[in-house]
């Protein structure tokens, strides 16, 4: 049956937002642990966040994006930083 439209699952961009409190080291730590970036990649993204107010950390399906956002929230809370991750539909 040709008229079955197989929809690609929606993808979501996950961004981290700059704030005045989260340390650069903490942001890099989050990027390495949550987003599986190398330290070099994480440094580039961290500077991007720092300079532009936000930076793209990855593109995921809804469930994975949501999990990453929650992991960032948990890590930030444990360390007392206001680091914020947000997911936006592509």
N, C-alpha and C. Protein backbone atom coordinates (compact mmCIF):
# COMPACT_ATOMS: atom_id res chain seq x y z
N UNK A 1 0.85 -1.19 0.00
CA UNK A 1 0.00 0.00 0.00
C UNK A 1 0.89 1.25 0.00
N UNK A 2 0.84 2.01 -1.07
CA UNK A 2 1.78 3.12 -1.26
C UNK A 2 1.42 4.38 -0.49
N UNK A 3 0.16 4.51 -0.08
CA UNK A 3 -0.21 5.78 0.53
C UNK A 3 -0.02 5.81 2.06
N UNK A 4 0.69 4.84 2.59
CA UNK A 4 1.07 4.93 4.00
C UNK A 4 2.28 5.85 4.10
N UNK A 5 2.10 6.95 4.80
CA UNK A 5 3.17 7.94 4.92
C UNK A 5 3.99 7.63 6.17
N UNK A 6 5.19 7.13 5.96
CA UNK A 6 6.06 6.86 7.09
C UNK A 6 6.70 8.17 7.52
N UNK A 7 6.27 8.64 8.66
CA UNK A 7 6.80 9.93 9.10
C UNK A 7 8.12 9.74 9.82
N UNK A 8 9.06 10.56 9.43
CA UNK A 8 10.33 10.61 10.16
C UNK A 8 10.01 11.11 11.56
N UNK A 9 10.62 10.51 12.58
CA UNK A 9 10.37 11.08 13.90
C UNK A 9 10.91 12.51 13.95
N UNK A 10 10.15 13.38 14.61
CA UNK A 10 10.60 14.76 14.74
C UNK A 10 11.92 14.79 15.48
N UNK A 11 12.75 15.75 15.09
CA UNK A 11 14.04 15.93 15.77
C UNK A 11 14.02 17.23 16.56
N UNK A 12 14.77 17.22 17.63
CA UNK A 12 14.81 18.38 18.51
C UNK A 12 16.25 18.81 18.74
N UNK A 13 16.46 20.12 18.61
CA UNK A 13 17.75 20.71 18.94
C UNK A 13 17.80 20.93 20.44
N UNK A 14 18.91 20.55 21.05
CA UNK A 14 19.07 20.84 22.47
C UNK A 14 20.15 21.92 22.61
N UNK A 15 19.76 23.01 23.27
CA UNK A 15 20.66 24.15 23.48
C UNK A 15 20.99 24.30 24.95
N UNK A 16 22.19 24.77 25.23
CA UNK A 16 22.52 25.25 26.57
C UNK A 16 22.56 26.77 26.50
N UNK A 17 22.11 27.40 27.59
CA UNK A 17 22.06 28.86 27.65
C UNK A 17 23.12 29.40 28.58
N UNK A 18 23.67 30.54 28.20
CA UNK A 18 24.69 31.19 29.01
C UNK A 18 24.05 31.78 30.27
N UNK A 19 24.79 31.74 31.36
CA UNK A 19 24.40 32.47 32.57
C UNK A 19 25.67 33.00 33.21
N UNK A 20 25.53 33.82 34.24
CA UNK A 20 26.70 34.47 34.83
C UNK A 20 27.36 33.65 35.93
N UNK A 21 26.84 32.46 36.21
CA UNK A 21 27.31 31.71 37.38
C UNK A 21 27.97 30.38 37.05
N UNK A 22 27.42 29.67 36.08
CA UNK A 22 27.98 28.35 35.74
C UNK A 22 29.41 28.52 35.25
N UNK A 23 30.32 27.76 35.81
CA UNK A 23 31.72 27.89 35.41
C UNK A 23 31.94 27.22 34.05
N UNK A 24 32.97 27.67 33.36
CA UNK A 24 33.31 27.08 32.06
C UNK A 24 33.61 25.60 32.23
N UNK A 25 34.30 25.26 33.32
CA UNK A 25 34.64 23.85 33.58
C UNK A 25 33.38 23.00 33.75
N UNK A 26 32.40 23.56 34.45
CA UNK A 26 31.15 22.83 34.66
C UNK A 26 30.42 22.60 33.35
N UNK A 27 30.37 23.65 32.51
CA UNK A 27 29.70 23.53 31.22
C UNK A 27 30.38 22.46 30.36
N UNK A 28 31.71 22.47 30.37
CA UNK A 28 32.45 21.45 29.62
C UNK A 28 32.16 20.05 30.16
N UNK A 29 32.11 19.95 31.48
CA UNK A 29 31.79 18.68 32.14
C UNK A 29 30.42 18.15 31.69
N UNK A 30 29.45 19.04 31.65
CA UNK A 30 28.08 18.68 31.21
C UNK A 30 28.11 18.21 29.75
N UNK A 31 28.83 18.94 28.91
CA UNK A 31 28.89 18.60 27.49
C UNK A 31 29.55 17.24 27.27
N UNK A 32 30.55 16.94 28.06
CA UNK A 32 31.24 15.65 27.94
C UNK A 32 30.36 14.52 28.47
N UNK A 33 29.77 14.73 29.66
CA UNK A 33 29.02 13.64 30.31
C UNK A 33 27.64 13.43 29.72
N UNK A 34 26.91 14.52 29.51
CA UNK A 34 25.53 14.39 29.04
C UNK A 34 25.46 14.25 27.52
N UNK A 35 26.27 15.05 26.82
CA UNK A 35 26.17 15.09 25.36
C UNK A 35 27.27 14.31 24.65
N UNK A 36 28.10 13.64 25.45
CA UNK A 36 29.13 12.73 24.90
C UNK A 36 30.09 13.43 23.94
N UNK A 37 30.43 14.68 24.25
CA UNK A 37 31.37 15.42 23.42
C UNK A 37 32.80 15.15 23.89
N UNK A 38 33.75 15.30 22.99
CA UNK A 38 35.15 15.29 23.40
C UNK A 38 35.42 16.62 24.11
N UNK A 39 36.49 16.69 24.86
CA UNK A 39 36.82 17.94 25.56
C UNK A 39 37.03 19.08 24.56
N UNK A 40 37.64 18.77 23.42
CA UNK A 40 37.84 19.79 22.38
C UNK A 40 36.51 20.31 21.83
N UNK A 41 35.61 19.38 21.50
CA UNK A 41 34.29 19.78 21.00
C UNK A 41 33.55 20.59 22.06
N UNK A 42 33.64 20.11 23.30
CA UNK A 42 32.94 20.77 24.40
C UNK A 42 33.44 22.20 24.59
N UNK A 43 34.75 22.39 24.43
CA UNK A 43 35.34 23.73 24.58
C UNK A 43 34.79 24.69 23.52
N UNK A 44 34.69 24.19 22.30
CA UNK A 44 34.15 25.01 21.20
C UNK A 44 32.70 25.40 21.48
N UNK A 45 31.89 24.43 21.90
CA UNK A 45 30.47 24.69 22.19
C UNK A 45 30.35 25.65 23.38
N UNK A 46 31.17 25.43 24.40
CA UNK A 46 31.13 26.28 25.60
C UNK A 46 31.43 27.73 25.24
N UNK A 47 32.42 27.95 24.36
CA UNK A 47 32.74 29.32 23.94
C UNK A 47 31.61 29.92 23.12
N UNK A 48 30.98 29.09 22.32
CA UNK A 48 29.82 29.48 21.53
C UNK A 48 28.69 29.95 22.45
N UNK A 49 28.42 29.18 23.49
CA UNK A 49 27.38 29.52 24.48
C UNK A 49 27.76 30.85 25.14
N UNK A 50 29.02 30.95 25.53
CA UNK A 50 29.52 32.14 26.23
C UNK A 50 29.39 33.39 25.36
N UNK A 51 29.73 33.26 24.09
CA UNK A 51 29.75 34.42 23.18
C UNK A 51 28.39 34.77 22.59
N UNK A 52 27.54 33.76 22.39
CA UNK A 52 26.27 33.99 21.69
C UNK A 52 25.04 33.87 22.58
N UNK A 53 25.25 33.52 23.83
CA UNK A 53 24.12 33.40 24.74
C UNK A 53 23.51 32.02 24.77
N UNK A 54 23.73 31.27 23.68
CA UNK A 54 23.30 29.87 23.70
C UNK A 54 24.10 29.09 22.67
N UNK A 55 24.13 27.79 22.84
CA UNK A 55 24.87 26.95 21.90
C UNK A 55 24.17 25.62 21.69
N UNK A 56 24.23 25.13 20.47
CA UNK A 56 23.62 23.85 20.12
C UNK A 56 24.51 22.71 20.61
N UNK A 57 23.91 21.81 21.37
CA UNK A 57 24.66 20.68 21.93
C UNK A 57 24.42 19.38 21.17
N UNK A 58 23.31 19.30 20.45
CA UNK A 58 23.02 18.09 19.71
C UNK A 58 21.60 18.09 19.20
N UNK A 59 21.30 17.14 18.33
CA UNK A 59 19.98 17.00 17.73
C UNK A 59 19.53 15.56 17.97
N UNK A 60 18.37 15.41 18.59
CA UNK A 60 17.93 14.09 19.05
C UNK A 60 16.44 13.90 18.80
N UNK A 61 15.99 12.66 18.94
CA UNK A 61 14.56 12.41 18.96
C UNK A 61 14.00 12.98 20.26
N UNK A 62 12.68 13.13 20.32
CA UNK A 62 12.02 13.78 21.45
C UNK A 62 12.43 13.18 22.79
N UNK A 63 12.36 11.87 22.87
CA UNK A 63 12.63 11.18 24.14
C UNK A 63 14.06 11.42 24.62
N UNK A 64 15.00 11.31 23.70
CA UNK A 64 16.41 11.48 24.07
C UNK A 64 16.69 12.95 24.41
N UNK A 65 16.13 13.86 23.63
CA UNK A 65 16.31 15.29 23.91
C UNK A 65 15.79 15.63 25.30
N UNK A 66 14.61 15.11 25.62
CA UNK A 66 14.01 15.35 26.93
C UNK A 66 14.90 14.81 28.05
N UNK A 67 15.43 13.62 27.85
CA UNK A 67 16.33 13.00 28.83
C UNK A 67 17.56 13.87 29.06
N UNK A 68 18.14 14.38 27.98
CA UNK A 68 19.34 15.22 28.09
C UNK A 68 19.03 16.50 28.87
N UNK A 69 17.89 17.12 28.57
CA UNK A 69 17.48 18.34 29.27
C UNK A 69 17.36 18.06 30.77
N UNK A 70 16.75 16.91 31.12
CA UNK A 70 16.58 16.55 32.53
C UNK A 70 17.93 16.26 33.19
N UNK A 71 18.83 15.61 32.46
CA UNK A 71 20.16 15.31 33.01
C UNK A 71 20.93 16.59 33.32
N UNK A 72 20.82 17.57 32.42
CA UNK A 72 21.48 18.86 32.66
C UNK A 72 20.90 19.51 33.90
N UNK A 73 19.57 19.49 34.02
CA UNK A 73 18.89 20.11 35.16
C UNK A 73 19.37 19.47 36.47
N UNK A 74 19.45 18.15 36.46
CA UNK A 74 19.88 17.42 37.66
C UNK A 74 21.33 17.74 38.02
N UNK A 75 22.21 17.70 37.05
CA UNK A 75 23.63 18.00 37.29
C UNK A 75 23.82 19.42 37.81
N UNK A 76 23.09 20.37 37.19
CA UNK A 76 23.21 21.78 37.59
C UNK A 76 22.71 21.96 39.02
N UNK A 77 21.61 21.30 39.35
CA UNK A 77 21.05 21.43 40.69
C UNK A 77 22.02 20.88 41.73
N UNK A 78 22.60 19.73 41.42
CA UNK A 78 23.56 19.11 42.36
C UNK A 78 24.75 20.01 42.64
N UNK A 79 25.15 20.78 41.61
CA UNK A 79 26.33 21.64 41.76
C UNK A 79 25.97 23.08 42.13
N UNK A 80 24.67 23.35 42.17
CA UNK A 80 24.21 24.69 42.54
C UNK A 80 24.38 25.74 41.45
N UNK A 81 24.39 25.30 40.19
CA UNK A 81 24.48 26.23 39.06
C UNK A 81 23.13 26.36 38.37
N UNK A 82 22.86 27.54 37.80
CA UNK A 82 21.57 27.74 37.11
C UNK A 82 21.61 27.35 35.63
N UNK A 83 22.57 26.52 35.24
CA UNK A 83 22.70 26.16 33.82
C UNK A 83 21.39 25.58 33.30
N UNK A 84 20.97 26.07 32.14
CA UNK A 84 19.67 25.68 31.59
C UNK A 84 19.82 25.08 30.20
N UNK A 85 19.19 23.96 30.01
CA UNK A 85 19.11 23.32 28.69
C UNK A 85 17.67 23.43 28.21
N UNK A 86 17.52 23.65 26.92
CA UNK A 86 16.18 23.78 26.32
C UNK A 86 16.15 22.98 25.02
N UNK A 87 15.02 22.32 24.78
CA UNK A 87 14.87 21.61 23.51
C UNK A 87 13.88 22.37 22.63
N UNK A 88 14.22 22.49 21.35
CA UNK A 88 13.35 23.15 20.39
C UNK A 88 13.20 22.26 19.19
N UNK A 89 11.96 22.14 18.71
CA UNK A 89 11.73 21.33 17.52
C UNK A 89 12.48 21.91 16.35
N UNK A 90 13.10 21.04 15.57
CA UNK A 90 13.88 21.49 14.40
C UNK A 90 13.00 22.20 13.40
